[in-house]
């Protein structure tokens, strides 16, 4: 289920997590070559992604 990004926070290991409008979180790591998200490393990059949608796997599990 697609959910909008409403905020970002760092977990206990310092990895970035997108807070979704449903209340769930989803990691958005920059871990090349598997995850290439250099934008998550800077505040402006994260700000530009607010309002974008991610697929919330937790909502998908509860829906089915």
PDB file of N, CA and C in Angstrom:
ATOM      1  N   UNK A   1       0.854  -1.177   0.000  1.00  0.00           N
ATOM      2  CA  UNK A   1       0.000   0.000   0.000  1.00  0.00           C
ATOM      3  C   UNK A   1       0.899   1.239   0.000  1.00  0.00           C
ATOM      4  N   UNK A   2       0.626   2.140  -0.898  1.00  0.00           N
ATOM      5  CA  UNK A   2       1.407   3.373  -1.005  1.00  0.00           C
ATOM      6  C   UNK A   2       1.033   4.345   0.119  1.00  0.00           C
ATOM      7  N   UNK A   3       2.064   4.872   0.771  1.00  0.00           N
ATOM      8  CA  UNK A   3       1.883   5.838   1.863  1.00  0.00           C
ATOM      9  C   UNK A   3       2.858   6.990   1.660  1.00  0.00           C
ATOM     10  N   UNK A   4       2.433   8.197   2.003  1.00  0.00           N
ATOM     11  CA  UNK A   4       3.288   9.375   1.862  1.00  0.00           C
ATOM     12  C   UNK A   4       4.317   9.447   2.980  1.00  0.00           C
ATOM     13  N   UNK A   5       5.501   9.959   2.631  1.00  0.00           N
ATOM     14  CA  UNK A   5       6.544  10.237   3.616  1.00  0.00           C
ATOM     15  C   UNK A   5       6.184  11.545   4.304  1.00  0.00           C
ATOM     16  N   UNK A   6       6.126  11.522   5.642  1.00  0.00           N
ATOM     17  CA  UNK A   6       5.792  12.730   6.388  1.00  0.00           C
ATOM     18  C   UNK A   6       6.979  13.272   7.192  1.00  0.00           C
ATOM     19  N   UNK A   7       8.008  12.440   7.394  1.00  0.00           N
ATOM     20  CA  UNK A   7       9.160  12.876   8.178  1.00  0.00           C
ATOM     21  C   UNK A   7      10.263  11.829   8.035  1.00  0.00           C
ATOM     22  N   UNK A   8      11.432  12.140   8.574  1.00  0.00           N
ATOM     23  CA  UNK A   8      12.554  11.208   8.631  1.00  0.00           C
ATOM     24  C   UNK A   8      13.127  11.235  10.032  1.00  0.00           C
ATOM     25  N   UNK A   9      13.672  10.113  10.455  1.00  0.00           N
ATOM     26  CA  UNK A   9      14.392  10.047  11.725  1.00  0.00           C
ATOM     27  C   UNK A   9      15.473   8.990  11.607  1.00  0.00           C
ATOM     28  N   UNK A  10      16.417   9.009  12.543  1.00  0.00           N
ATOM     29  CA  UNK A  10      17.484   8.021  12.536  1.00  0.00           C
ATOM     30  C   UNK A  10      17.210   6.966  13.599  1.00  0.00           C
ATOM     31  N   UNK A  11      17.480   5.699  13.247  1.00  0.00           N
ATOM     32  CA  UNK A  11      17.303   4.618  14.208  1.00  0.00           C
ATOM     33  C   UNK A  11      18.507   4.568  15.149  1.00  0.00           C
ATOM     34  N   UNK A  12      18.536   3.568  16.019  1.00  0.00           N
ATOM     35  CA  UNK A  12      19.595   3.469  17.024  1.00  0.00           C
ATOM     36  C   UNK A  12      20.977   3.244  16.421  1.00  0.00           C
ATOM     37  N   UNK A  13      21.043   2.796  15.159  1.00  0.00           N
ATOM     38  CA  UNK A  13      22.324   2.585  14.488  1.00  0.00           C
ATOM     39  C   UNK A  13      22.718   3.767  13.603  1.00  0.00           C
ATOM     40  N   UNK A  14      21.846   4.787  13.545  1.00  0.00           N
ATOM     41  CA  UNK A  14      22.129   5.964  12.740  1.00  0.00           C
ATOM     42  C   UNK A  14      21.634   5.873  11.308  1.00  0.00           C
ATOM     43  N   UNK A  15      20.906   4.794  10.986  1.00  0.00           N
ATOM     44  CA  UNK A  15      20.334   4.658   9.645  1.00  0.00           C
ATOM     45  C   UNK A  15      19.062   5.483   9.549  1.00  0.00           C
ATOM     46  N   UNK A  16      18.821   6.064   8.360  1.00  0.00           N
ATOM     47  CA  UNK A  16      17.641   6.902   8.154  1.00  0.00           C
ATOM     48  C   UNK A  16      16.393   6.062   7.912  1.00  0.00           C
ATOM     49  N   UNK A  17      15.300   6.505   8.516  1.00  0.00           N
ATOM     50  CA  UNK A  17      14.005   5.851   8.402  1.00  0.00           C
ATOM     51  C   UNK A  17      12.988   6.897   7.953  1.00  0.00           C
ATOM     52  N   UNK A  18      12.200   6.556   6.942  1.00  0.00           N
ATOM     53  CA  UNK A  18      11.112   7.428   6.505  1.00  0.00           C
ATOM     54  C   UNK A  18       9.894   7.121   7.371  1.00  0.00           C
ATOM     55  N   UNK A  19       9.344   8.145   8.006  1.00  0.00           N
ATOM     56  CA  UNK A  19       8.093   7.984   8.746  1.00  0.00           C
ATOM     57  C   UNK A  19       6.963   8.191   7.752  1.00  0.00           C
ATOM     58  N   UNK A  20       6.073   7.216   7.660  1.00  0.00           N
ATOM     59  CA  UNK A  20       4.993   7.254   6.687  1.00  0.00           C
ATOM     60  C   UNK A  20       3.705   7.752   7.327  1.00  0.00           C
ATOM     61  N   UNK A  21       2.777   8.239   6.499  1.00  0.00           N
ATOM     62  CA  UNK A  21       1.524   8.805   7.010  1.00  0.00           C
ATOM     63  C   UNK A  21       0.707   7.794   7.806  1.00  0.00           C
ATOM     64  N   UNK A  22       0.926   6.514   7.590  1.00  0.00           N
ATOM     65  CA  UNK A  22       0.199   5.468   8.318  1.00  0.00           C
ATOM     66  C   UNK A  22       0.773   5.257   9.716  1.00  0.00           C
ATOM     67  N   UNK A  23       1.938   5.857   9.995  1.00  0.00           N
ATOM     68  CA  UNK A  23       2.574   5.708  11.288  1.00  0.00           C
ATOM     69  C   UNK A  23       3.718   4.703  11.282  1.00  0.00           C
ATOM     70  N   UNK A  24       3.846   3.926  10.225  1.00  0.00           N
ATOM     71  CA  UNK A  24       4.934   2.963  10.119  1.00  0.00           C
ATOM     72  C   UNK A  24       6.199   3.661   9.642  1.00  0.00           C
ATOM     73  N   UNK A  25       7.319   2.974   9.795  1.00  0.00           N
ATOM     74  CA  UNK A  25       8.591   3.483   9.317  1.00  0.00           C
ATOM     75  C   UNK A  25       9.190   2.544   8.297  1.00  0.00           C
ATOM     76  N   UNK A  26       9.981   3.092   7.382  1.00  0.00           N
ATOM     77  CA  UNK A  26      10.679   2.281   6.392  1.00  0.00           C
ATOM     78  C   UNK A  26      12.084   2.819   6.218  1.00  0.00           C
ATOM     79  N   UNK A  27      13.084   1.941   6.353  1.00  0.00           N
ATOM     80  CA  UNK A  27      14.465   2.358   6.177  1.00  0.00           C
ATOM     81  C   UNK A  27      14.692   2.836   4.750  1.00  0.00           C
ATOM     82  N   UNK A  28      15.455   3.908   4.634  1.00  0.00           N
ATOM     83  CA  UNK A  28      15.858   4.456   3.335  1.00  0.00           C
ATOM     84  C   UNK A  28      17.375   4.654   3.369  1.00  0.00           C
ATOM     85  N   UNK A  29      18.085   3.534   3.374  1.00  0.00           N
ATOM     86  CA  UNK A  29      19.535   3.559   3.513  1.00  0.00           C
ATOM     87  C   UNK A  29      20.222   3.911   2.199  1.00  0.00           C
ATOM     88  N   UNK A  30      21.355   4.582   2.343  1.00  0.00           N
ATOM     89  CA  UNK A  30      22.273   4.776   1.221  1.00  0.00           C
ATOM     90  C   UNK A  30      23.384   3.754   1.426  1.00  0.00           C
ATOM     91  N   UNK A  31      23.306   2.638   0.694  1.00  0.00           N
ATOM     92  CA  UNK A  31      24.220   1.527   0.877  1.00  0.00           C
ATOM     93  C   UNK A  31      24.600   0.966  -0.502  1.00  0.00           C
ATOM     94  N   UNK A  32      25.388   1.755  -1.280  1.00  0.00           N
ATOM     95  CA  UNK A  32      25.740   1.304  -2.630  1.00  0.00           C
ATOM     96  C   UNK A  32      26.498  -0.028  -2.587  1.00  0.00           C
ATOM     97  N   UNK A  33      26.376  -0.864  -3.574  1.00  0.00           N
ATOM     98  CA  UNK A  33      25.613  -0.686  -4.805  1.00  0.00           C
ATOM     99  C   UNK A  33      24.157  -1.160  -4.697  1.00  0.00           C
ATOM    100  N   UNK A  34      23.757  -1.703  -3.560  1.00  0.00           N
ATOM    101  CA  UNK A  34      22.404  -2.247  -3.431  1.00  0.00           C
ATOM    102  C   UNK A  34      21.347  -1.160  -3.305  1.00  0.00           C
ATOM    103  N   UNK A  35      21.588  -0.177  -2.493  1.00  0.00           N
ATOM    104  CA  UNK A  35      20.658   0.943  -2.297  1.00  0.00           C
ATOM    105  C   UNK A  35      21.410   2.234  -2.582  1.00  0.00           C
ATOM    106  N   UNK A  36      21.083   2.880  -3.668  1.00  0.00           N
ATOM    107  CA  UNK A  36      21.775   4.107  -4.062  1.00  0.00           C
ATOM    108  C   UNK A  36      20.862   5.298  -3.789  1.00  0.00           C
ATOM    109  N   UNK A  37      20.961   5.817  -2.570  1.00  0.00           N
ATOM    110  CA  UNK A  37      20.129   6.956  -2.155  1.00  0.00           C
ATOM    111  C   UNK A  37      21.002   8.037  -1.507  1.00  0.00           C
ATOM    112  N   UNK A  38      21.876   8.668  -2.272  1.00  0.00           N
ATOM    113  CA  UNK A  38      22.741   9.684  -1.670  1.00  0.00           C
ATOM    114  C   UNK A  38      21.953  10.855  -1.102  1.00  0.00           C
ATOM    115  N   UNK A  39      20.735  11.101  -1.599  1.00  0.00           N
ATOM    116  CA  UNK A  39      19.909  12.204  -1.123  1.00  0.00           C
ATOM    117  C   UNK A  39      19.568  12.082   0.358  1.00  0.00           C
ATOM    118  N   UNK A  40      19.551  10.863   0.901  1.00  0.00           N
ATOM    119  CA  UNK A  40      19.162  10.683   2.295  1.00  0.00           C
ATOM    120  C   UNK A  40      20.234  11.204   3.262  1.00  0.00           C
ATOM    121  N   UNK A  41      21.439  11.380   2.759  1.00  0.00           N
ATOM    122  CA  UNK A  41      22.552  11.821   3.597  1.00  0.00           C
ATOM    123  C   UNK A  41      22.512  13.315   3.918  1.00  0.00           C
ATOM    124  N   UNK A  42      21.729  14.095   3.158  1.00  0.00           N
ATOM    125  CA  UNK A  42      21.690  15.542   3.394  1.00  0.00           C
ATOM    126  C   UNK A  42      20.257  15.994   3.700  1.00  0.00           C
ATOM    127  N   UNK A  43      20.161  17.005   4.550  1.00  0.00           N
ATOM    128  CA  UNK A  43      18.855  17.502   4.986  1.00  0.00           C
ATOM    129  C   UNK A  43      17.990  17.947   3.805  1.00  0.00           C
ATOM    130  N   UNK A  44      18.589  18.656   2.861  1.00  0.00           N
ATOM    131  CA  UNK A  44      17.830  19.145   1.706  1.00  0.00           C
ATOM    132  C   UNK A  44      17.266  17.986   0.884  1.00  0.00           C
ATOM    133  N   UNK A  45      18.051  16.917   0.750  1.00  0.00           N
ATOM    134  CA  UNK A  45      17.601  15.752   0.000  1.00  0.00           C
ATOM    135  C   UNK A  45      16.400  15.092   0.646  1.00  0.00           C
ATOM    136  N   UNK A  46      16.447  14.975   1.968  1.00  0.00           N
ATOM    137  CA  UNK A  46      15.300  14.385   2.681  1.00  0.00           C
ATOM    138  C   UNK A  46      14.088  15.301   2.573  1.00  0.00           C
ATOM    139  N   UNK A  47      14.285  16.602   2.713  1.00  0.00           N
ATOM    140  CA  UNK A  47      13.172  17.553   2.623  1.00  0.00           C
ATOM    141  C   UNK A  47      12.478  17.479   1.270  1.00  0.00           C
ATOM    142  N   UNK A  48      13.257  17.295   0.209  1.00  0.00           N
ATOM    143  CA  UNK A  48      12.682  17.205  -1.133  1.00  0.00           C
ATOM    144  C   UNK A  48      11.819  15.962  -1.316  1.00  0.00           C
ATOM    145  N   UNK A  49      12.036  14.938  -0.502  1.00  0.00           N
ATOM    146  CA  UNK A  49      11.292  13.679  -0.635  1.00  0.00           C
ATOM    147  C   UNK A  49      10.014  13.647   0.201  1.00  0.00           C
ATOM    148  N   UNK A  50       9.800  14.636   1.054  1.00  0.00           N
ATOM    149  CA  UNK A  50       8.563  14.676   1.838  1.00  0.00           C
ATOM    150  C   UNK A  50       7.369  14.715   0.887  1.00  0.00           C
ATOM    151  N   UNK A  51       6.373  13.922   1.156  1.00  0.00           N
ATOM    152  CA  UNK A  51       5.188  13.866   0.311  1.00  0.00           C
ATOM    153  C   UNK A  51       5.252  12.779  -0.749  1.00  0.00           C
ATOM    154  N   UNK A  52       6.462  12.282  -1.047  1.00  0.00           N
ATOM    155  CA  UNK A  52       6.565  11.165  -1.992  1.00  0.00           C
ATOM    156  C   UNK A  52       5.997   9.910  -1.343  1.00  0.00           C
ATOM    157  N   UNK A  53       5.666   8.941  -2.147  1.00  0.00           N
ATOM    158  CA  UNK A  53       5.063   7.727  -1.626  1.00  0.00           C
ATOM    159  C   UNK A  53       6.023   6.548  -1.689  1.00  0.00           C
ATOM    160  N   UNK A  54       5.938   5.732  -0.654  1.00  0.00           N
ATOM    161  CA  UNK A  54       6.671   4.471  -0.600  1.00  0.00           C
ATOM    162  C   UNK A  54       5.660   3.356  -0.369  1.00  0.00           C
ATOM    163  N   UNK A  55       6.025   2.159  -0.770  1.00  0.00           N
ATOM    164  CA  UNK A  55       5.179   1.010  -0.515  1.00  0.00           C
ATOM    165  C   UNK A  55       5.398   0.557   0.927  1.00  0.00           C
ATOM    166  N   UNK A  56       4.363   0.596   1.749  1.00  0.00           N
ATOM    167  CA  UNK A  56       4.461   0.192   3.146  1.00  0.00           C
ATOM    168  C   UNK A  56       4.167  -1.303   3.246  1.00  0.00           C
ATOM    169  N   UNK A  57       5.218  -2.062   3.494  1.00  0.00           N
ATOM    170  CA  UNK A  57       5.083  -3.508   3.588  1.00  0.00           C
ATOM    171  C   UNK A  57       4.262  -3.924   4.808  1.00  0.00           C
ATOM    172  N   UNK A  58       4.327  -3.157   5.876  1.00  0.00           N
ATOM    173  CA  UNK A  58       3.546  -3.480   7.077  1.00  0.00           C
ATOM    174  C   UNK A  58       2.051  -3.328   6.808  1.00  0.00           C
ATOM    175  N   UNK A  59       1.668  -2.284   6.103  1.00  0.00           N
ATOM    176  CA  UNK A  59       0.246  -2.111   5.743  1.00  0.00           C
ATOM    177  C   UNK A  59      -0.198  -3.230   4.793  1.00  0.00           C
ATOM    178  N   UNK A  60       0.688  -3.623   3.852  1.00  0.00           N
ATOM    179  CA  UNK A  60       0.352  -4.708   2.927  1.00  0.00           C
ATOM    180  C   UNK A  60       0.085  -6.003   3.674  1.00  0.00           C
ATOM    181  N   UNK A  61       0.865  -6.285   4.708  1.00  0.00           N
ATOM    182  CA  UNK A  61       0.691  -7.521   5.478  1.00  0.00           C
ATOM    183  C   UNK A  61      -0.640  -7.532   6.217  1.00  0.00           C
ATOM    184  N   UNK A  62      -1.050  -6.388   6.747  1.00  0.00           N
ATOM    185  CA  UNK A  62      -2.300  -6.322   7.513  1.00  0.00           C
ATOM    186  C   UNK A  62      -3.529  -6.288   6.619  1.00  0.00           C
ATOM    187  N   UNK A  63      -3.341  -5.863   5.363  1.00  0.00           N
ATOM    188  CA  UNK A  63      -4.451  -5.744   4.440  1.00  0.00           C
ATOM    189  C   UNK A  63      -4.902  -7.114   3.912  1.00  0.00           C
ATOM    190  N   UNK A  64      -3.925  -8.024   3.689  1.00  0.00           N
ATOM    191  CA  UNK A  64      -4.223  -9.311   3.080  1.00  0.00           C
ATOM    192  C   UNK A  64      -4.752 -10.275   4.073  1.00  0.00           C
TER     193      UNK A  64
END
